[in-house]
């Protein structure tokens, strides 16, 4: 593939990759020498550190994720038939999520104001799950993406039905989570958020098992 064709197709993900590094270069002198490096579940700073390599962890994670998603079709033994448009949207959405998380954490570090940390991170994560839920029903069988259980990987029908249900659960659950975040206090919100994540994971897995075990003998693909 010619470099011009690659840049024409990938300009948005590449721009999203470059922006955090450019922001760090521009803001470097504004970071204090001791900055918040980690927040606990209540949004409190539980570790400080000197500005340095750790500031680049999220941007470098974005580079790794982009490389993985770009090469996933080539290395997946199932060779999922993912349209270029769907993969482009997936890469852009994942990078946008990581950039939003990076921007939010950077804002907290620059302003030394961790009071909103947990609710902000919950909201950003719920928005990301909402985005993924919209695409889940379109995912094709893959060893690297989607709800990968022994039952979904053994049956294309199981995969399709599980991901369609999972997509609806992720969208509806994420909308409810976003509506609850502003009104629930920090400690109960942690329990609510963990329950929300458990539901997103458990319901599709349980449904894929249900579809498999209710299948009559001789109906397996």
N, C-alpha and C. Protein backbone atom coordinates (compact mmCIF):
# COMPACT_ATOMS: atom_id res chain seq x y z
N UNK A 1 0.85 -1.20 0.00
CA UNK A 1 0.00 0.00 0.00
C UNK A 1 0.88 1.25 0.00
N UNK A 2 0.52 2.18 -0.85
CA UNK A 2 1.28 3.42 -0.91
C UNK A 2 1.07 4.24 0.36
N UNK A 3 2.11 4.98 0.73
CA UNK A 3 2.04 5.77 1.95
C UNK A 3 0.95 6.82 1.86
N UNK A 4 0.72 7.37 0.64
CA UNK A 4 -0.33 8.39 0.51
C UNK A 4 -1.71 7.79 0.74
N UNK A 5 -1.94 6.55 0.27
CA UNK A 5 -3.21 5.89 0.49
C UNK A 5 -3.41 5.58 1.98
N UNK A 6 -2.32 5.14 2.62
CA UNK A 6 -2.39 4.85 4.05
C UNK A 6 -2.74 6.10 4.84
N UNK A 7 -2.07 7.20 4.54
CA UNK A 7 -2.32 8.45 5.27
C UNK A 7 -3.72 8.98 5.00
N UNK A 8 -4.20 8.82 3.78
CA UNK A 8 -5.55 9.27 3.44
C UNK A 8 -6.60 8.49 4.23
N UNK A 9 -6.35 7.19 4.40
CA UNK A 9 -7.31 6.34 5.10
C UNK A 9 -7.18 6.47 6.62
N UNK A 10 -5.95 6.66 7.11
CA UNK A 10 -5.70 6.59 8.55
C UNK A 10 -5.42 7.95 9.19
N UNK A 11 -5.75 9.03 8.51
CA UNK A 11 -5.34 10.34 9.03
C UNK A 11 -5.96 10.65 10.39
N UNK A 12 -7.22 10.24 10.62
CA UNK A 12 -7.85 10.55 11.91
C UNK A 12 -7.23 9.77 13.06
N UNK A 13 -7.09 8.42 12.97
CA UNK A 13 -6.40 7.72 14.06
C UNK A 13 -4.98 8.22 14.29
N UNK A 14 -4.26 8.53 13.21
CA UNK A 14 -2.89 9.03 13.37
C UNK A 14 -2.87 10.39 14.07
N UNK A 15 -3.84 11.23 13.74
CA UNK A 15 -3.94 12.53 14.43
C UNK A 15 -4.22 12.33 15.91
N UNK A 16 -5.10 11.38 16.23
CA UNK A 16 -5.41 11.10 17.63
C UNK A 16 -4.21 10.54 18.37
N UNK A 17 -3.33 9.85 17.65
CA UNK A 17 -2.11 9.34 18.27
C UNK A 17 -1.13 10.47 18.59
N UNK A 18 -1.03 11.44 17.71
CA UNK A 18 -0.04 12.51 17.85
C UNK A 18 -0.46 13.53 18.90
N UNK A 19 -1.75 13.79 19.03
CA UNK A 19 -2.22 14.88 19.90
C UNK A 19 -1.73 14.79 21.35
N UNK A 20 -1.77 13.63 22.02
CA UNK A 20 -1.30 13.59 23.41
C UNK A 20 0.18 13.95 23.55
N UNK A 21 1.00 13.49 22.61
CA UNK A 21 2.44 13.81 22.67
C UNK A 21 2.64 15.32 22.45
N UNK A 22 1.88 15.90 21.53
CA UNK A 22 1.98 17.34 21.30
C UNK A 22 1.52 18.12 22.54
N UNK A 23 0.45 17.63 23.19
CA UNK A 23 -0.05 18.30 24.40
C UNK A 23 0.98 18.24 25.51
N UNK A 24 1.64 17.10 25.69
CA UNK A 24 2.67 16.99 26.73
C UNK A 24 3.84 17.94 26.46
N UNK A 25 4.24 18.03 25.20
CA UNK A 25 5.34 18.93 24.85
C UNK A 25 4.96 20.38 25.14
N UNK A 26 3.72 20.74 24.83
CA UNK A 26 3.26 22.12 25.02
C UNK A 26 3.09 22.46 26.50
N UNK A 27 2.62 21.48 27.29
CA UNK A 27 2.28 21.74 28.69
C UNK A 27 3.39 21.35 29.67
N UNK A 28 4.49 20.83 29.18
CA UNK A 28 5.49 20.24 30.06
C UNK A 28 5.92 21.17 31.19
N UNK A 29 6.20 22.41 30.88
CA UNK A 29 6.69 23.35 31.90
C UNK A 29 5.61 23.72 32.91
N UNK A 30 4.35 23.45 32.60
CA UNK A 30 3.27 23.79 33.52
C UNK A 30 3.01 22.70 34.56
N UNK A 31 3.53 21.52 34.33
CA UNK A 31 3.35 20.45 35.31
C UNK A 31 4.21 20.75 36.55
N UNK A 32 3.64 20.58 37.75
CA UNK A 32 4.47 20.71 38.96
C UNK A 32 5.46 19.55 39.04
N UNK A 33 6.48 19.71 39.86
CA UNK A 33 7.48 18.65 39.98
C UNK A 33 6.89 17.39 40.61
N UNK A 34 5.97 17.57 41.56
CA UNK A 34 5.27 16.45 42.17
C UNK A 34 3.82 16.48 41.69
N UNK A 35 3.41 15.43 40.99
CA UNK A 35 2.06 15.42 40.42
C UNK A 35 1.33 14.15 40.83
N UNK A 36 -0.01 14.20 40.90
CA UNK A 36 -0.79 12.99 41.21
C UNK A 36 -0.56 11.94 40.12
N UNK A 37 -0.23 10.73 40.54
CA UNK A 37 0.03 9.64 39.59
C UNK A 37 -1.02 8.55 39.65
N UNK A 38 -1.75 8.46 40.77
CA UNK A 38 -2.75 7.40 40.88
C UNK A 38 -3.86 7.85 41.81
N UNK A 39 -5.09 7.48 41.46
CA UNK A 39 -6.26 7.82 42.26
C UNK A 39 -6.92 6.53 42.72
N UNK A 40 -7.41 6.51 43.96
CA UNK A 40 -8.12 5.32 44.43
C UNK A 40 -9.57 5.37 43.96
N UNK A 41 -10.35 4.38 44.39
CA UNK A 41 -11.73 4.26 43.90
C UNK A 41 -12.61 5.42 44.33
N UNK A 42 -12.21 6.16 45.36
CA UNK A 42 -13.00 7.30 45.82
C UNK A 42 -12.54 8.61 45.19
N UNK A 43 -11.59 8.53 44.29
CA UNK A 43 -11.10 9.74 43.62
C UNK A 43 -10.02 10.47 44.38
N UNK A 44 -9.49 9.84 45.43
CA UNK A 44 -8.43 10.47 46.23
C UNK A 44 -7.06 10.08 45.69
N UNK A 45 -6.13 11.03 45.73
CA UNK A 45 -4.77 10.74 45.29
C UNK A 45 -4.10 9.84 46.31
N UNK A 46 -3.62 8.67 45.85
CA UNK A 46 -2.92 7.78 46.78
C UNK A 46 -1.46 7.58 46.39
N UNK A 47 -1.01 8.28 45.35
CA UNK A 47 0.40 8.23 45.01
C UNK A 47 0.79 9.45 44.19
N UNK A 48 1.87 10.10 44.61
CA UNK A 48 2.45 11.21 43.85
C UNK A 48 3.78 10.74 43.26
N UNK A 49 4.21 11.46 42.24
CA UNK A 49 5.50 11.14 41.64
C UNK A 49 6.05 12.33 40.88
N UNK A 50 7.31 12.22 40.49
CA UNK A 50 7.92 13.28 39.70
C UNK A 50 7.44 13.19 38.25
N UNK A 51 7.31 14.35 37.63
CA UNK A 51 6.90 14.30 36.23
C UNK A 51 8.02 13.63 35.41
N UNK A 52 7.61 12.75 34.54
CA UNK A 52 8.58 12.00 33.76
C UNK A 52 7.89 10.98 32.89
N UNK A 53 8.46 9.79 32.84
CA UNK A 53 8.00 8.77 31.89
C UNK A 53 6.54 8.40 32.08
N UNK A 54 6.06 8.38 33.33
CA UNK A 54 4.69 7.94 33.58
C UNK A 54 3.66 8.81 32.88
N UNK A 55 4.00 10.06 32.60
CA UNK A 55 3.07 10.91 31.87
C UNK A 55 2.83 10.41 30.46
N UNK A 56 3.74 9.59 29.96
CA UNK A 56 3.63 9.09 28.59
C UNK A 56 2.96 7.72 28.51
N UNK A 57 2.55 7.15 29.64
CA UNK A 57 2.02 5.78 29.62
C UNK A 57 0.74 5.67 28.78
N UNK A 58 -0.21 6.58 28.97
CA UNK A 58 -1.44 6.52 28.19
C UNK A 58 -1.20 6.77 26.70
N UNK A 59 -0.42 7.80 26.32
CA UNK A 59 -0.12 7.98 24.90
C UNK A 59 0.56 6.76 24.28
N UNK A 60 1.49 6.14 25.02
CA UNK A 60 2.16 4.95 24.49
C UNK A 60 1.21 3.76 24.42
N UNK A 61 0.27 3.68 25.36
CA UNK A 61 -0.76 2.65 25.29
C UNK A 61 -1.60 2.81 24.03
N UNK A 62 -1.90 4.06 23.68
CA UNK A 62 -2.66 4.32 22.45
C UNK A 62 -1.91 3.81 21.22
N UNK A 63 -0.61 4.01 21.19
CA UNK A 63 0.20 3.53 20.06
C UNK A 63 0.13 2.01 19.96
N UNK A 64 0.25 1.34 21.11
CA UNK A 64 0.19 -0.12 21.12
C UNK A 64 -1.18 -0.62 20.65
N UNK A 65 -2.25 -0.01 21.17
CA UNK A 65 -3.60 -0.43 20.80
C UNK A 65 -3.86 -0.21 19.32
N UNK A 66 -3.40 0.92 18.80
CA UNK A 66 -3.58 1.19 17.37
C UNK A 66 -2.85 0.14 16.53
N UNK A 67 -1.63 -0.20 16.91
CA UNK A 67 -0.87 -1.21 16.17
C UNK A 67 -1.57 -2.56 16.22
N UNK A 68 -2.12 -2.91 17.39
CA UNK A 68 -2.82 -4.18 17.53
C UNK A 68 -4.07 -4.22 16.66
N UNK A 69 -4.87 -3.16 16.71
CA UNK A 69 -6.10 -3.13 15.92
C UNK A 69 -5.81 -3.09 14.42
N UNK A 70 -4.72 -2.45 14.04
CA UNK A 70 -4.37 -2.38 12.62
C UNK A 70 -3.96 -3.74 12.09
N UNK A 71 -3.26 -4.52 12.92
CA UNK A 71 -2.78 -5.81 12.45
C UNK A 71 -3.65 -6.99 12.82
N UNK A 72 -4.79 -6.73 13.47
CA UNK A 72 -5.58 -7.81 14.03
C UNK A 72 -6.15 -8.75 12.97
N UNK A 73 -6.54 -8.20 11.83
CA UNK A 73 -7.12 -9.03 10.78
C UNK A 73 -6.08 -10.00 10.23
N UNK A 74 -4.85 -9.54 10.14
CA UNK A 74 -3.79 -10.38 9.57
C UNK A 74 -3.38 -11.51 10.50
N UNK A 75 -3.43 -11.28 11.84
CA UNK A 75 -2.92 -12.29 12.77
C UNK A 75 -4.01 -13.16 13.37
N UNK A 76 -5.28 -12.81 13.17
CA UNK A 76 -6.37 -13.59 13.75
C UNK A 76 -6.61 -14.85 12.91
N UNK A 77 -6.49 -16.06 13.50
CA UNK A 77 -6.70 -17.29 12.73
C UNK A 77 -8.09 -17.39 12.12
N UNK A 78 -9.09 -16.73 12.73
CA UNK A 78 -10.44 -16.79 12.17
C UNK A 78 -10.63 -15.86 10.97
N UNK A 79 -9.66 -14.96 10.73
CA UNK A 79 -9.73 -14.02 9.61
C UNK A 79 -11.09 -13.32 9.54
N UNK A 80 -11.44 -12.58 10.59
CA UNK A 80 -12.77 -11.94 10.61
C UNK A 80 -12.93 -10.96 9.46
N UNK A 81 -14.12 -10.99 8.86
CA UNK A 81 -14.41 -10.10 7.74
C UNK A 81 -14.91 -8.75 8.28
N UNK A 82 -13.98 -7.89 8.64
CA UNK A 82 -14.30 -6.59 9.20
C UNK A 82 -14.16 -5.55 8.11
N UNK A 83 -15.23 -4.79 7.85
CA UNK A 83 -15.17 -3.79 6.80
C UNK A 83 -14.19 -2.69 7.19
N UNK A 84 -13.51 -2.09 6.20
CA UNK A 84 -12.56 -1.00 6.50
C UNK A 84 -13.23 0.13 7.28
N UNK A 85 -14.48 0.44 6.92
CA UNK A 85 -15.18 1.52 7.62
C UNK A 85 -15.41 1.21 9.08
N UNK A 86 -15.84 -0.05 9.38
CA UNK A 86 -16.10 -0.44 10.77
C UNK A 86 -14.81 -0.46 11.58
N UNK A 87 -13.72 -0.97 10.98
CA UNK A 87 -12.45 -1.01 11.70
C UNK A 87 -11.91 0.40 11.93
N UNK A 88 -12.08 1.28 10.95
CA UNK A 88 -11.64 2.67 11.11
C UNK A 88 -12.40 3.34 12.25
N UNK A 89 -13.72 3.11 12.30
CA UNK A 89 -14.53 3.69 13.37
C UNK A 89 -14.13 3.12 14.72
N UNK A 90 -13.84 1.81 14.76
CA UNK A 90 -13.44 1.18 16.01
C UNK A 90 -12.11 1.75 16.51
N UNK A 91 -11.14 1.86 15.63
CA UNK A 91 -9.84 2.41 16.03
C UNK A 91 -9.99 3.85 16.50
N UNK A 92 -10.75 4.65 15.76
CA UNK A 92 -10.92 6.05 16.13
C UNK A 92 -11.63 6.17 17.47
N UNK A 93 -12.65 5.34 17.70
CA UNK A 93 -13.38 5.39 18.96
C UNK A 93 -12.53 5.01 20.15
N UNK A 94 -11.74 3.95 20.00
CA UNK A 94 -10.85 3.51 21.10
C UNK A 94 -9.81 4.59 21.41
N UNK A 95 -9.23 5.16 20.37
CA UNK A 95 -8.21 6.21 20.57
C UNK A 95 -8.83 7.47 21.17
N UNK A 96 -10.06 7.78 20.76
CA UNK A 96 -10.74 8.95 21.33
C UNK A 96 -10.99 8.74 22.82
N UNK A 97 -11.38 7.51 23.20
CA UNK A 97 -11.58 7.19 24.62
C UNK A 97 -10.28 7.38 25.40
N UNK A 98 -9.18 6.82 24.89
CA UNK A 98 -7.90 6.94 25.58
C UNK A 98 -7.43 8.39 25.65
N UNK A 99 -7.69 9.16 24.59
CA UNK A 99 -7.31 10.57 24.60
C UNK A 99 -8.15 11.37 25.59
N UNK A 100 -9.43 11.04 25.68
CA UNK A 100 -10.30 11.73 26.64
C UNK A 100 -9.86 11.42 28.06
N UNK A 101 -9.53 10.16 28.31
CA UNK A 101 -9.02 9.79 29.63
C UNK A 101 -7.70 10.50 29.93
N UNK A 102 -6.83 10.58 28.94
CA UNK A 102 -5.55 11.28 29.09
C UNK A 102 -5.79 12.77 29.38
N UNK A 103 -6.71 13.39 28.63
CA UNK A 103 -6.98 14.82 28.82
C UNK A 103 -7.55 15.09 30.21
N UNK A 104 -8.43 14.21 30.67
CA UNK A 104 -9.04 14.39 31.98
C UNK A 104 -8.00 14.26 33.09
N UNK A 105 -7.17 13.21 33.01
CA UNK A 105 -6.13 13.01 34.03
C UNK A 105 -5.11 14.14 34.00
N UNK A 106 -4.76 14.60 32.81
CA UNK A 106 -3.83 15.73 32.69
C UNK A 106 -4.41 16.98 33.33
N UNK A 107 -5.69 17.22 33.12
CA UNK A 107 -6.35 18.38 33.73
C UNK A 107 -6.29 18.28 35.25
N UNK A 108 -6.53 17.09 35.79
CA UNK A 108 -6.46 16.89 37.24
C UNK A 108 -5.04 17.16 37.75
N UNK A 109 -4.05 16.67 37.02
CA UNK A 109 -2.66 16.85 37.44
C UNK A 109 -2.24 18.31 37.41
N UNK A 110 -2.68 19.03 36.41
CA UNK A 110 -2.31 20.45 36.28
C UNK A 110 -3.02 21.32 37.30
N UNK A 111 -4.24 20.92 37.67
CA UNK A 111 -5.03 21.76 38.57
C UNK A 111 -5.00 21.29 40.02
N UNK A 112 -4.33 20.16 40.25
CA UNK A 112 -4.24 19.62 41.61
C UNK A 112 -5.61 19.56 42.26
N UNK A 113 -6.60 19.10 41.47
CA UNK A 113 -7.98 19.07 41.94
C UNK A 113 -8.57 17.69 41.68
N UNK A 114 -8.25 16.72 42.54
CA UNK A 114 -8.70 15.36 42.29
C UNK A 114 -10.14 15.07 42.72
N UNK A 115 -10.89 16.08 43.15
CA UNK A 115 -12.21 15.85 43.71
C UNK A 115 -13.17 15.17 42.74
N UNK A 116 -12.99 15.42 41.44
CA UNK A 116 -13.92 14.86 40.46
C UNK A 116 -13.38 13.59 39.80
N UNK A 117 -12.29 13.07 40.31
CA UNK A 117 -11.58 12.01 39.59
C UNK A 117 -12.44 10.78 39.34
N UNK A 118 -13.03 10.21 40.38
CA UNK A 118 -13.73 8.94 40.19
C UNK A 118 -14.97 9.11 39.32
N UNK A 119 -15.77 10.14 39.56
CA UNK A 119 -16.99 10.31 38.76
C UNK A 119 -16.66 10.60 37.30
N UNK A 120 -15.62 11.39 37.08
CA UNK A 120 -15.22 11.67 35.70
C UNK A 120 -14.76 10.42 34.98
N UNK A 121 -13.97 9.59 35.66
CA UNK A 121 -13.47 8.36 35.04
C UNK A 121 -14.61 7.38 34.81
N UNK A 122 -15.56 7.31 35.77
CA UNK A 122 -16.73 6.45 35.56
C UNK A 122 -17.51 6.89 34.32
N UNK A 123 -17.71 8.20 34.18
CA UNK A 123 -18.48 8.71 33.06
C UNK A 123 -17.79 8.45 31.72
N UNK A 124 -16.48 8.68 31.68
CA UNK A 124 -15.73 8.44 30.44
C UNK A 124 -15.78 6.96 30.07
N UNK A 125 -15.64 6.08 31.07
CA UNK A 125 -15.68 4.65 30.81
C UNK A 125 -17.06 4.21 30.34
N UNK A 126 -18.12 4.75 30.97
CA UNK A 126 -19.48 4.39 30.55
C UNK A 126 -19.76 4.86 29.12
N UNK A 127 -19.26 6.02 28.75
CA UNK A 127 -19.42 6.49 27.37
C UNK A 127 -18.70 5.57 26.39
N UNK A 128 -17.54 5.08 26.79
CA UNK A 128 -16.79 4.15 25.92
C UNK A 128 -17.56 2.84 25.76
N UNK A 129 -18.11 2.31 26.84
CA UNK A 129 -18.89 1.09 26.76
C UNK A 129 -20.15 1.30 25.91
N UNK A 130 -20.72 2.48 26.01
CA UNK A 130 -21.88 2.82 25.17
C UNK A 130 -21.48 2.79 23.69
N UNK A 131 -20.34 3.35 23.38
CA UNK A 131 -19.82 3.32 22.00
C UNK A 131 -19.61 1.88 21.53
N UNK A 132 -18.95 1.06 22.36
CA UNK A 132 -18.70 -0.33 21.99
C UNK A 132 -20.00 -1.10 21.80
N UNK A 133 -20.99 -0.81 22.66
CA UNK A 133 -22.27 -1.50 22.55
C UNK A 133 -22.94 -1.26 21.21
N UNK A 134 -22.76 -0.08 20.65
CA UNK A 134 -23.36 0.23 19.35
C UNK A 134 -22.73 -0.59 18.22
N UNK A 135 -21.48 -1.01 18.41
CA UNK A 135 -20.78 -1.78 17.37
C UNK A 135 -20.78 -3.28 17.64
N UNK A 136 -21.19 -3.68 18.83
CA UNK A 136 -21.04 -5.08 19.22
C UNK A 136 -21.82 -6.02 18.30
N UNK A 137 -23.02 -5.63 17.92
CA UNK A 137 -23.83 -6.49 17.06
C UNK A 137 -23.25 -6.68 15.67
N UNK A 138 -22.30 -5.83 15.28
CA UNK A 138 -21.68 -5.93 13.95
C UNK A 138 -20.38 -6.72 13.96
N UNK A 139 -19.91 -7.10 15.16
CA UNK A 139 -18.63 -7.82 15.24
C UNK A 139 -18.76 -9.22 14.66
N UNK A 140 -17.74 -9.64 13.93
CA UNK A 140 -17.70 -10.98 13.37
C UNK A 140 -16.80 -11.87 14.24
N UNK A 141 -16.99 -13.19 14.18
CA UNK A 141 -16.19 -14.09 15.03
C UNK A 141 -14.69 -13.80 14.95
N UNK A 142 -14.07 -13.67 16.11
CA UNK A 142 -12.67 -13.31 16.20
C UNK A 142 -12.09 -13.84 17.49
N UNK A 143 -10.81 -14.20 17.46
CA UNK A 143 -10.12 -14.63 18.68
C UNK A 143 -9.63 -13.44 19.51
N UNK A 144 -9.68 -12.22 18.96
CA UNK A 144 -9.10 -11.07 19.63
C UNK A 144 -10.11 -10.03 20.08
N UNK A 145 -11.28 -10.00 19.47
CA UNK A 145 -12.27 -8.98 19.80
C UNK A 145 -13.61 -9.62 20.10
N UNK A 146 -14.39 -8.96 20.95
CA UNK A 146 -15.74 -9.42 21.22
C UNK A 146 -15.85 -10.30 22.44
N UNK A 147 -17.01 -10.95 22.59
CA UNK A 147 -17.31 -11.82 23.72
C UNK A 147 -16.83 -13.22 23.34
N UNK A 148 -15.63 -13.56 23.77
CA UNK A 148 -14.99 -14.80 23.34
C UNK A 148 -15.15 -15.87 24.42
N UNK A 149 -16.19 -16.67 24.26
CA UNK A 149 -16.40 -17.83 25.13
C UNK A 149 -16.25 -19.08 24.27
N UNK A 150 -16.10 -20.25 24.90
CA UNK A 150 -16.02 -21.48 24.08
C UNK A 150 -17.25 -21.65 23.20
N UNK A 151 -18.38 -21.12 23.67
CA UNK A 151 -19.64 -21.33 22.94
C UNK A 151 -19.77 -20.37 21.76
N UNK A 152 -19.37 -19.10 21.94
CA UNK A 152 -19.45 -18.17 20.81
C UNK A 152 -18.42 -18.51 19.74
N UNK A 153 -17.25 -19.00 20.15
CA UNK A 153 -16.20 -19.32 19.18
C UNK A 153 -16.48 -20.62 18.43
N UNK A 154 -17.38 -21.44 18.97
CA UNK A 154 -17.69 -22.71 18.30
C UNK A 154 -18.88 -22.62 17.37
N UNK A 155 -19.60 -21.50 17.41
CA UNK A 155 -20.82 -21.39 16.61
C UNK A 155 -21.01 -19.95 16.14
N UNK A 156 -21.13 -19.75 14.84
CA UNK A 156 -21.36 -18.41 14.31
C UNK A 156 -22.72 -17.87 14.75
N UNK A 157 -23.71 -18.75 14.84
CA UNK A 157 -25.04 -18.30 15.28
C UNK A 157 -25.00 -17.85 16.74
N UNK A 158 -24.31 -18.61 17.58
CA UNK A 158 -24.17 -18.24 18.98
C UNK A 158 -23.46 -16.90 19.10
N UNK A 159 -22.39 -16.73 18.33
CA UNK A 159 -21.65 -15.46 18.35
C UNK A 159 -22.56 -14.30 17.99
N UNK A 160 -23.32 -14.45 16.89
CA UNK A 160 -24.16 -13.35 16.42
C UNK A 160 -25.24 -13.00 17.43
N UNK A 161 -25.95 -14.00 17.94
CA UNK A 161 -27.04 -13.74 18.88
C UNK A 161 -26.52 -13.18 20.20
N UNK A 162 -25.40 -13.71 20.66
CA UNK A 162 -24.81 -13.21 21.91
C UNK A 162 -24.39 -11.76 21.78
N UNK A 163 -23.78 -11.39 20.66
CA UNK A 163 -23.30 -10.02 20.48
C UNK A 163 -24.45 -9.04 20.25
N UNK A 164 -25.51 -9.50 19.64
CA UNK A 164 -26.68 -8.62 19.48
C UNK A 164 -27.30 -8.31 20.84
N UNK A 165 -27.46 -9.34 21.68
CA UNK A 165 -27.97 -9.10 23.03
C UNK A 165 -26.99 -8.28 23.83
N UNK A 166 -25.68 -8.63 23.76
CA UNK A 166 -24.68 -7.89 24.50
C UNK A 166 -24.66 -6.42 24.14
N UNK A 167 -24.82 -6.12 22.86
CA UNK A 167 -24.85 -4.73 22.43
C UNK A 167 -25.98 -3.96 23.08
N UNK A 168 -27.17 -4.59 23.13
CA UNK A 168 -28.31 -3.91 23.76
C UNK A 168 -28.08 -3.72 25.25
N UNK A 169 -27.53 -4.75 25.91
CA UNK A 169 -27.27 -4.65 27.35
C UNK A 169 -26.25 -3.55 27.63
N UNK A 170 -25.19 -3.48 26.82
CA UNK A 170 -24.15 -2.46 27.03
C UNK A 170 -24.69 -1.06 26.81
N UNK A 171 -25.52 -0.88 25.79
CA UNK A 171 -26.07 0.46 25.51
C UNK A 171 -27.03 0.88 26.61
N UNK A 172 -27.99 0.03 26.93
CA UNK A 172 -28.99 0.39 27.95
C UNK A 172 -28.33 0.57 29.31
N UNK A 173 -27.44 -0.37 29.68
CA UNK A 173 -26.77 -0.26 30.97
C UNK A 173 -25.92 0.99 31.08
N UNK A 174 -25.25 1.37 29.99
CA UNK A 174 -24.38 2.55 30.01
C UNK A 174 -25.20 3.83 30.12
N UNK A 175 -26.36 3.87 29.45
CA UNK A 175 -27.23 5.06 29.56
C UNK A 175 -27.69 5.23 31.00
N UNK A 176 -28.12 4.14 31.64
CA UNK A 176 -28.54 4.22 33.04
C UNK A 176 -27.38 4.64 33.93
N UNK A 177 -26.19 4.11 33.68
CA UNK A 177 -25.03 4.47 34.48
C UNK A 177 -24.73 5.95 34.37
N UNK A 178 -24.78 6.48 33.17
CA UNK A 178 -24.50 7.91 32.95
C UNK A 178 -25.53 8.79 33.65
N UNK A 179 -26.77 8.32 33.70
CA UNK A 179 -27.82 9.09 34.39
C UNK A 179 -27.64 9.06 35.90
N UNK A 180 -27.07 7.97 36.44
CA UNK A 180 -26.91 7.83 37.88
C UNK A 180 -25.70 8.57 38.42
N UNK A 181 -24.63 8.66 37.64
CA UNK A 181 -23.35 9.19 38.13
C UNK A 181 -23.47 10.54 38.84
N UNK A 182 -24.19 11.53 38.30
CA UNK A 182 -24.20 12.84 38.98
C UNK A 182 -24.90 12.83 40.34
N UNK A 183 -25.75 11.82 40.59
CA UNK A 183 -26.62 11.88 41.76
C UNK A 183 -26.25 10.92 42.88
N UNK A 184 -25.37 9.97 42.61
CA UNK A 184 -25.03 8.96 43.63
C UNK A 184 -23.73 9.36 44.32
N UNK A 185 -23.68 9.35 45.66
CA UNK A 185 -22.44 9.67 46.39
C UNK A 185 -21.32 8.70 46.04
N UNK A 186 -20.08 9.11 46.36
CA UNK A 186 -18.90 8.38 45.91
C UNK A 186 -18.88 6.91 46.31
N UNK A 187 -19.07 6.61 47.61
CA UNK A 187 -18.94 5.22 48.05
C UNK A 187 -20.03 4.33 47.45
N UNK A 188 -21.32 4.71 47.53
CA UNK A 188 -22.32 3.87 46.86
C UNK A 188 -22.10 3.80 45.34
N UNK A 189 -21.56 4.86 44.75
CA UNK A 189 -21.34 4.86 43.31
C UNK A 189 -20.32 3.80 42.91
N UNK A 190 -19.32 3.57 43.77
CA UNK A 190 -18.35 2.52 43.47
C UNK A 190 -19.04 1.17 43.38
N UNK A 191 -19.94 0.89 44.30
CA UNK A 191 -20.69 -0.38 44.27
C UNK A 191 -21.57 -0.45 43.03
N UNK A 192 -22.23 0.65 42.71
CA UNK A 192 -23.09 0.70 41.52
C UNK A 192 -22.26 0.45 40.26
N UNK A 193 -21.10 1.09 40.18
CA UNK A 193 -20.27 0.95 38.98
C UNK A 193 -19.75 -0.48 38.83
N UNK A 194 -19.30 -1.08 39.92
CA UNK A 194 -18.82 -2.46 39.86
C UNK A 194 -19.94 -3.42 39.47
N UNK A 195 -21.16 -3.16 39.97
CA UNK A 195 -22.32 -3.97 39.59
C UNK A 195 -22.62 -3.82 38.11
N UNK A 196 -22.55 -2.59 37.64
CA UNK A 196 -22.77 -2.29 36.21
C UNK A 196 -21.79 -3.05 35.33
N UNK A 197 -20.51 -3.03 35.68
CA UNK A 197 -19.50 -3.75 34.90
C UNK A 197 -19.75 -5.26 34.96
N UNK A 198 -20.12 -5.77 36.13
CA UNK A 198 -20.41 -7.19 36.28
C UNK A 198 -21.57 -7.61 35.38
N UNK A 199 -22.60 -6.79 35.32
CA UNK A 199 -23.76 -7.09 34.46
C UNK A 199 -23.35 -7.11 32.99
N UNK A 200 -22.55 -6.12 32.57
CA UNK A 200 -22.10 -6.06 31.18
C UNK A 200 -21.32 -7.32 30.79
N UNK A 201 -20.54 -7.84 31.72
CA UNK A 201 -19.73 -9.02 31.43
C UNK A 201 -20.54 -10.31 31.56
N UNK A 202 -21.31 -10.42 32.66
CA UNK A 202 -21.96 -11.69 32.99
C UNK A 202 -23.14 -12.03 32.09
N UNK A 203 -23.95 -11.04 31.74
CA UNK A 203 -25.17 -11.34 30.97
C UNK A 203 -24.85 -11.95 29.60
N UNK A 204 -23.97 -11.35 28.79
CA UNK A 204 -23.67 -11.99 27.50
C UNK A 204 -23.02 -13.37 27.65
N UNK A 205 -22.13 -13.54 28.63
CA UNK A 205 -21.49 -14.85 28.83
C UNK A 205 -22.53 -15.89 29.20
N UNK A 206 -23.42 -15.54 30.14
CA UNK A 206 -24.47 -16.47 30.55
C UNK A 206 -25.40 -16.80 29.37
N UNK A 207 -25.70 -15.79 28.56
CA UNK A 207 -26.59 -16.02 27.42
C UNK A 207 -25.96 -16.94 26.39
N UNK A 208 -24.66 -16.77 26.15
CA UNK A 208 -23.98 -17.65 25.19
C UNK A 208 -24.00 -19.09 25.69
N UNK A 209 -23.82 -19.30 26.99
CA UNK A 209 -23.91 -20.64 27.56
C UNK A 209 -25.32 -21.20 27.46
N UNK A 210 -26.31 -20.35 27.72
CA UNK A 210 -27.71 -20.78 27.62
C UNK A 210 -28.03 -21.25 26.20
N UNK A 211 -27.59 -20.47 25.20
CA UNK A 211 -27.84 -20.86 23.81
C UNK A 211 -27.18 -22.20 23.48
N UNK A 212 -25.99 -22.41 24.00
CA UNK A 212 -25.27 -23.65 23.70
C UNK A 212 -25.93 -24.86 24.36
N UNK A 213 -26.26 -24.76 25.64
CA UNK A 213 -26.76 -25.93 26.36
C UNK A 213 -28.21 -26.25 26.06
N UNK A 214 -28.94 -25.30 25.49
CA UNK A 214 -30.31 -25.62 25.11
C UNK A 214 -30.35 -26.22 23.70
N UNK A 215 -29.20 -26.21 23.01
CA UNK A 215 -29.14 -26.73 21.66
C UNK A 215 -29.33 -28.24 21.69
N UNK A 216 -30.15 -28.74 20.79
CA UNK A 216 -30.43 -30.17 20.75
C UNK A 216 -29.23 -30.92 20.17
N UNK A 217 -29.03 -32.16 20.58
CA UNK A 217 -27.94 -32.96 20.01
C UNK A 217 -28.05 -33.04 18.49
N UNK A 218 -26.92 -32.89 17.83
CA UNK A 218 -26.91 -32.97 16.38
C UNK A 218 -27.09 -31.63 15.69
N UNK A 219 -27.37 -30.56 16.47
CA UNK A 219 -27.59 -29.24 15.87
C UNK A 219 -26.32 -28.42 15.84
N UNK A 220 -25.26 -28.87 16.49
CA UNK A 220 -24.01 -28.10 16.53
C UNK A 220 -23.46 -27.94 15.15
N UNK A 221 -22.79 -26.79 14.89
CA UNK A 221 -22.24 -26.53 13.56
C UNK A 221 -20.99 -27.37 13.34
